[in-house]
Amino acid sequence: MPIGILVVDDSDYMRRRLKTALDEDAYEIVAEASNGAWAVQKYKQHQDEVDLIMMDIVMRKANGMKATAAIKQIDPAVKVVMCTSVGQRKKMMLAAKAGADGYIKKPFDDGDIAEAIRGVMGDRIETGQQSRA
């Protein structure tokens, strides 16, 4: 089974960009959200389907750090890759404290996304192992 992904970014362009980059057999876009508050709601709705969350840090209505912390309270095992603009090192450190498992810097290319996902999902991509309940 493919890895289920929740894509969270307040930019329509960035959500489309991530979905296009993730459009392959190993990944399934389960849901998307345009802010942190919606991300928590979408995660609650699709918890059994989501293995990984691609989360923007800077968003209105609950930023990525707050949303990550809230989601990790629900399920500490879900993996979160934070997406941040270049030059936001301090925010990345705070995101790690909130529970982020990895990060990528914007602007990114498909290779950056794949590397970040491999970094947090390990060999699950190659073996097709499933961690969902």
Protein backbone atom coordinates (compact mmCIF):
# COMPACT_ATOMS: atom_id res chain seq x y z
CA MET A 1 0.00 0.00 0.00
CA PRO A 2 1.22 3.52 -0.71
CA ILE A 3 2.27 5.93 2.00
CA GLY A 4 -0.68 8.20 2.89
CA ILE A 5 0.18 11.89 2.97
CA LEU A 6 -1.58 14.99 4.32
CA VAL A 7 -0.32 18.11 2.48
CA VAL A 8 -0.56 21.36 4.49
CA ASP A 9 0.38 24.78 3.11
CA ASP A 10 -1.45 28.11 2.93
CA SER A 11 -0.28 28.61 -0.65
CA ASP A 12 -2.37 26.92 -3.34
CA TYR A 13 0.71 26.89 -5.56
CA MET A 14 2.84 25.09 -2.94
CA ARG A 15 0.14 22.49 -2.27
CA ARG A 16 -0.12 21.80 -6.01
CA ARG A 17 3.68 21.68 -6.28
CA LEU A 18 3.94 19.14 -3.45
CA LYS A 19 1.08 17.03 -4.82
CA THR A 20 2.68 16.97 -8.27
CA ALA A 21 6.04 15.93 -6.81
CA LEU A 22 4.36 13.21 -4.75
CA ASP A 23 2.28 11.87 -7.63
CA GLU A 24 3.84 8.42 -7.87
CA ASP A 25 3.00 4.87 -6.81
CA ALA A 26 4.68 5.06 -3.41
CA TYR A 27 2.51 7.97 -2.21
CA GLU A 28 -1.19 8.68 -1.90
CA ILE A 29 -2.44 12.20 -1.16
CA VAL A 30 -5.11 11.49 1.45
CA ALA A 31 -6.08 15.10 2.18
CA GLU A 32 -4.86 18.67 2.11
CA ALA A 33 -5.28 21.71 4.32
CA SER A 34 -4.60 25.42 3.90
CA ASN A 35 -3.78 26.24 7.54
CA GLY A 36 -2.75 24.61 10.79
CA ALA A 37 -6.25 24.52 12.28
CA TRP A 38 -7.58 22.67 9.23
CA ALA A 39 -4.56 20.36 9.34
CA VAL A 40 -5.53 19.14 12.80
CA GLN A 41 -9.14 18.63 11.68
CA LYS A 42 -8.09 16.79 8.52
CA TYR A 43 -5.72 14.60 10.51
CA LYS A 44 -8.50 13.66 12.93
CA GLN A 45 -10.75 12.76 9.99
CA HIS A 46 -8.12 10.69 8.16
CA GLN A 47 -5.89 9.48 10.99
CA ASP A 48 -6.02 5.83 9.93
CA GLU A 49 -4.95 6.74 6.38
CA VAL A 50 -2.17 9.27 7.05
CA ASP A 51 1.41 8.09 7.56
CA LEU A 52 3.18 11.37 6.81
CA ILE A 53 2.35 15.08 6.92
CA MET A 54 4.08 17.65 4.73
CA MET A 55 3.58 20.79 6.87
CA ASP A 56 4.36 24.43 6.10
CA ILE A 57 5.68 26.33 9.12
CA VAL A 58 4.36 29.85 8.50
CA MET A 59 0.57 29.91 8.05
CA ARG A 60 -2.40 31.88 9.28
CA LYS A 61 -4.91 30.28 11.70
CA ALA A 62 -2.43 28.16 13.66
CA ASN A 63 1.07 27.87 12.25
CA GLY A 64 2.77 24.60 11.42
CA MET A 65 4.47 24.33 14.79
CA LYS A 66 1.19 24.58 16.70
CA ALA A 67 -0.50 22.15 14.33
CA THR A 68 2.38 19.68 14.57
CA ALA A 69 2.33 19.79 18.37
CA ALA A 70 -1.46 19.23 18.40
CA ILE A 71 -1.25 16.33 15.94
CA LYS A 72 1.65 14.73 17.81
CA GLN A 73 -0.54 14.84 20.97
CA ILE A 74 -3.10 12.77 19.05
CA ASP A 75 -0.55 10.40 17.49
CA PRO A 76 3.13 10.66 18.41
CA ALA A 77 4.03 8.07 15.75
CA VAL A 78 2.85 10.05 12.70
CA LYS A 79 5.77 11.51 10.75
CA VAL A 80 5.91 15.24 9.99
CA VAL A 81 8.20 16.91 7.45
CA MET A 82 8.23 20.69 7.87
CA CYS A 83 8.55 22.97 4.83
CA THR A 84 10.28 26.27 5.46
CA SER A 85 11.76 29.16 3.53
CA VAL A 86 15.50 29.59 3.41
CA GLY A 87 16.79 31.60 6.37
CA GLN A 88 14.32 30.32 8.97
CA ARG A 89 16.78 28.22 10.98
CA LYS A 90 15.37 29.38 14.34
CA LYS A 91 11.86 28.32 13.27
CA MET A 92 13.20 24.90 12.26
CA MET A 93 14.66 24.44 15.74
CA LEU A 94 11.29 25.34 17.26
CA ALA A 95 9.56 22.96 14.84
CA ALA A 96 11.80 20.13 16.00
CA LYS A 97 10.75 20.87 19.58
CA ALA A 98 7.10 20.72 18.43
CA GLY A 99 7.71 17.20 17.13
CA ALA A 100 8.80 17.58 13.50
CA ASP A 101 10.70 14.55 12.22
CA GLY A 102 12.37 16.25 9.25
CA TYR A 103 12.33 19.33 7.07
CA ILE A 104 12.88 20.69 3.59
CA LYS A 105 13.78 24.23 2.59
CA LYS A 106 11.81 26.21 0.01
CA PRO A 107 12.45 26.48 -2.85
CA PHE A 108 12.83 22.73 -3.21
CA ASP A 109 12.96 20.23 -6.02
CA ASP A 110 11.53 16.72 -6.30
CA GLY A 111 14.81 15.21 -5.08
CA ASP A 112 14.68 17.26 -1.86
CA ILE A 113 11.16 16.02 -1.17
CA ALA A 114 12.07 12.38 -1.83
CA GLU A 115 15.16 12.64 0.38
CA ALA A 116 13.20 14.18 3.25
CA ILE A 117 10.54 11.47 3.04
CA ARG A 118 13.16 8.69 2.94
CA GLY A 119 14.78 10.30 5.95
CA VAL A 120 11.66 10.01 8.09
CA MET A 121 10.03 6.91 6.59
CA GLY A 122 13.19 4.82 6.36
CA ASP A 123 13.08 1.66 4.30
CA ARG A 124 9.30 1.55 4.38
CA ILE A 125 9.26 3.10 0.91
CA GLU A 126 11.31 0.27 -0.60
CA THR A 127 9.64 -2.57 1.29
CA GLY A 128 6.06 -1.33 1.06
CA GLN A 129 5.54 -2.00 4.77
CA GLN A 130 2.41 -0.57 6.26
CA SER A 131 2.26 1.08 9.67
CA ARG A 132 -1.40 2.08 9.68
CA ALA A 133 -3.68 0.54 12.27
